[in-house]
Amino acid sequence: MTATTPVSLLKSQLNLDYDLDDALLAHKLDAAEIWIGNYTGYPFEAGNAVQTEAALQLAAYWYEVRESASDVTMRPVPFGVYELLAPYVKQVTGYVAE
């Protein structure tokens, strides 16, 4: 799978103006889009502004915080991503109709 969100958007999010990390940025976007699909229960929707914003936030966070070891409490998902994706999450109740 390849990222559908343009690397140029992520570079703008991060204020990057060089091409050295383009492959890494594309990888982070790909991982973010897969994560969103797994979290919501539906495939990532290319062109969906809300899901794209969540992918940009995730990829930017993962790019900036590449190591999980720190003396500061780190969160695996940046603030706001869960809230952005809440309307897209597949609802599972466990109820079985007879």
C-alpha atoms as a PDB file:
ATOM      1  CA  MET A   1       0.000   0.000   0.000  1.00  0.00           C
ATOM      2  CA  THR A   2       1.255   3.475  -0.740  1.00  0.00           C
ATOM      3  CA  ALA A   3       0.199   6.633   1.004  1.00  0.00           C
ATOM      4  CA  THR A   4      -2.575   8.576  -0.712  1.00  0.00           C
ATOM      5  CA  THR A   5      -1.866  11.783   1.213  1.00  0.00           C
ATOM      6  CA  PRO A   6       0.772  13.828  -0.628  1.00  0.00           C
ATOM      7  CA  VAL A   7       4.179  14.075   1.043  1.00  0.00           C
ATOM      8  CA  SER A   8       4.124  17.791   0.163  1.00  0.00           C
ATOM      9  CA  LEU A   9       1.228  18.291   2.619  1.00  0.00           C
ATOM     10  CA  LEU A  10       3.163  16.567   5.383  1.00  0.00           C
ATOM     11  CA  LYS A  11       6.236  18.670   4.590  1.00  0.00           C
ATOM     12  CA  SER A  12       4.069  21.789   4.957  1.00  0.00           C
ATOM     13  CA  GLN A  13       2.704  20.448   8.256  1.00  0.00           C
ATOM     14  CA  LEU A  14       6.283  20.006   9.483  1.00  0.00           C
ATOM     15  CA  ASN A  15       7.670  23.192   7.880  1.00  0.00           C
ATOM     16  CA  LEU A  16      10.262  21.161   5.962  1.00  0.00           C
ATOM     17  CA  ASP A  17      11.761  22.557   2.787  1.00  0.00           C
ATOM     18  CA  TYR A  18      14.201  19.775   1.856  1.00  0.00           C
ATOM     19  CA  ASP A  19      13.774  16.417   0.141  1.00  0.00           C
ATOM     20  CA  LEU A  20      16.168  14.257   2.180  1.00  0.00           C
ATOM     21  CA  ASP A  21      13.425  12.597   4.238  1.00  0.00           C
ATOM     22  CA  ASP A  22      10.751  12.199   1.539  1.00  0.00           C
ATOM     23  CA  ALA A  23      10.920   8.383   1.617  1.00  0.00           C
ATOM     24  CA  LEU A  24      10.631   8.383   5.413  1.00  0.00           C
ATOM     25  CA  LEU A  25       7.739  10.855   5.285  1.00  0.00           C
ATOM     26  CA  ALA A  26       5.933   8.701   2.714  1.00  0.00           C
ATOM     27  CA  HIS A  27       6.433   5.691   4.991  1.00  0.00           C
ATOM     28  CA  LYS A  28       5.017   7.594   7.995  1.00  0.00           C
ATOM     29  CA  LEU A  29       1.970   8.642   5.948  1.00  0.00           C
ATOM     30  CA  ASP A  30       1.434   5.082   4.761  1.00  0.00           C
ATOM     31  CA  ALA A  31       1.611   3.817   8.349  1.00  0.00           C
ATOM     32  CA  ALA A  32      -0.784   6.567   9.514  1.00  0.00           C
ATOM     33  CA  GLU A  33      -3.333   5.701   6.825  1.00  0.00           C
ATOM     34  CA  ILE A  34      -3.138   2.007   7.737  1.00  0.00           C
ATOM     35  CA  TRP A  35      -3.476   2.896  11.442  1.00  0.00           C
ATOM     36  CA  ILE A  36      -6.580   4.992  10.671  1.00  0.00           C
ATOM     37  CA  GLY A  37      -8.131   2.127   8.713  1.00  0.00           C
ATOM     38  CA  ASN A  38      -7.449  -0.293  11.554  1.00  0.00           C
ATOM     39  CA  TYR A  39      -8.750   2.143  14.171  1.00  0.00           C
ATOM     40  CA  THR A  40     -11.969   3.015  12.351  1.00  0.00           C
ATOM     41  CA  GLY A  41     -12.659  -0.424  10.917  1.00  0.00           C
ATOM     42  CA  TYR A  42     -12.958   1.049   7.409  1.00  0.00           C
ATOM     43  CA  PRO A  43     -10.305   1.708   4.740  1.00  0.00           C
ATOM     44  CA  PHE A  44      -8.710   5.165   4.752  1.00  0.00           C
ATOM     45  CA  GLU A  45     -10.729   7.490   2.481  1.00  0.00           C
ATOM     46  CA  ALA A  46      -8.451   9.402   0.124  1.00  0.00           C
ATOM     47  CA  GLY A  47      -9.734  12.944  -0.278  1.00  0.00           C
ATOM     48  CA  ASN A  48     -11.536  12.956   3.104  1.00  0.00           C
ATOM     49  CA  ALA A  49     -10.256  16.170   4.717  1.00  0.00           C
ATOM     50  CA  VAL A  50     -10.829  14.985   8.300  1.00  0.00           C
ATOM     51  CA  GLN A  51      -9.069  11.651   7.809  1.00  0.00           C
ATOM     52  CA  THR A  52      -6.271  13.407   5.922  1.00  0.00           C
ATOM     53  CA  GLU A  53      -5.826  15.824   8.840  1.00  0.00           C
ATOM     54  CA  ALA A  54      -5.630  12.875  11.242  1.00  0.00           C
ATOM     55  CA  ALA A  55      -3.062  11.165   8.976  1.00  0.00           C
ATOM     56  CA  LEU A  56      -0.984  14.354   8.815  1.00  0.00           C
ATOM     57  CA  GLN A  57      -1.070  14.766  12.600  1.00  0.00           C
ATOM     58  CA  LEU A  58      -0.099  11.141  13.172  1.00  0.00           C
ATOM     59  CA  ALA A  59       2.672  11.103  10.567  1.00  0.00           C
ATOM     60  CA  ALA A  60       4.095  14.427  11.783  1.00  0.00           C
ATOM     61  CA  TYR A  61       4.067  13.232  15.381  1.00  0.00           C
ATOM     62  CA  TRP A  62       5.730   9.932  14.486  1.00  0.00           C
ATOM     63  CA  TYR A  63       8.340  11.794  12.422  1.00  0.00           C
ATOM     64  CA  GLU A  64       9.173  14.223  15.221  1.00  0.00           C
ATOM     65  CA  VAL A  65       9.075  11.629  18.043  1.00  0.00           C
ATOM     66  CA  ARG A  66      10.980   8.725  16.522  1.00  0.00           C
ATOM     67  CA  GLU A  67      12.145   7.172  19.771  1.00  0.00           C
ATOM     68  CA  SER A  68       9.757   5.830  22.378  1.00  0.00           C
ATOM     69  CA  ALA A  69      12.294   6.061  25.208  1.00  0.00           C
ATOM     70  CA  SER A  70      12.168   9.373  27.048  1.00  0.00           C
ATOM     71  CA  ASP A  71      12.158  10.823  30.549  1.00  0.00           C
ATOM     72  CA  VAL A  72       8.947  12.649  29.574  1.00  0.00           C
ATOM     73  CA  THR A  73       5.581  10.916  29.394  1.00  0.00           C
ATOM     74  CA  MET A  74       4.824  10.332  25.724  1.00  0.00           C
ATOM     75  CA  ARG A  75       1.504   9.501  24.122  1.00  0.00           C
ATOM     76  CA  PRO A  76       1.408   7.112  21.141  1.00  0.00           C
ATOM     77  CA  VAL A  77      -1.262   9.222  19.407  1.00  0.00           C
ATOM     78  CA  PRO A  78      -1.240  13.031  19.429  1.00  0.00           C
ATOM     79  CA  PHE A  79      -4.055  15.058  20.961  1.00  0.00           C
ATOM     80  CA  GLY A  80      -7.033  15.449  18.647  1.00  0.00           C
ATOM     81  CA  VAL A  81      -6.605  12.390  16.423  1.00  0.00           C
ATOM     82  CA  TYR A  82      -9.137  10.254  18.304  1.00  0.00           C
ATOM     83  CA  GLU A  83     -11.592  13.159  18.288  1.00  0.00           C
ATOM     84  CA  LEU A  84     -11.175  13.689  14.530  1.00  0.00           C
ATOM     85  CA  LEU A  85     -11.786  10.006  13.806  1.00  0.00           C
ATOM     86  CA  ALA A  86     -14.636   9.382  16.286  1.00  0.00           C
ATOM     87  CA  PRO A  87     -17.420   9.841  13.679  1.00  0.00           C
ATOM     88  CA  TYR A  88     -15.716   7.303  11.380  1.00  0.00           C
ATOM     89  CA  VAL A  89     -15.307   4.454  13.874  1.00  0.00           C
ATOM     90  CA  LYS A  90     -17.297   1.330  13.077  1.00  0.00           C
ATOM     91  CA  GLN A  91     -19.731   0.731  15.913  1.00  0.00           C
ATOM     92  CA  VAL A  92     -19.600  -2.795  17.345  1.00  0.00           C
ATOM     93  CA  THR A  93     -22.196  -3.600  19.987  1.00  0.00           C
ATOM     94  CA  GLY A  94     -22.000  -7.373  20.289  1.00  0.00           C
ATOM     95  CA  TYR A  95     -25.776  -7.527  19.844  1.00  0.00           C
ATOM     96  CA  VAL A  96     -26.971 -10.393  17.672  1.00  0.00           C
ATOM     97  CA  ALA A  97     -30.495 -10.133  16.252  1.00  0.00           C
ATOM     98  CA  GLU A  98     -32.530 -13.330  16.374  1.00  0.00           C
END
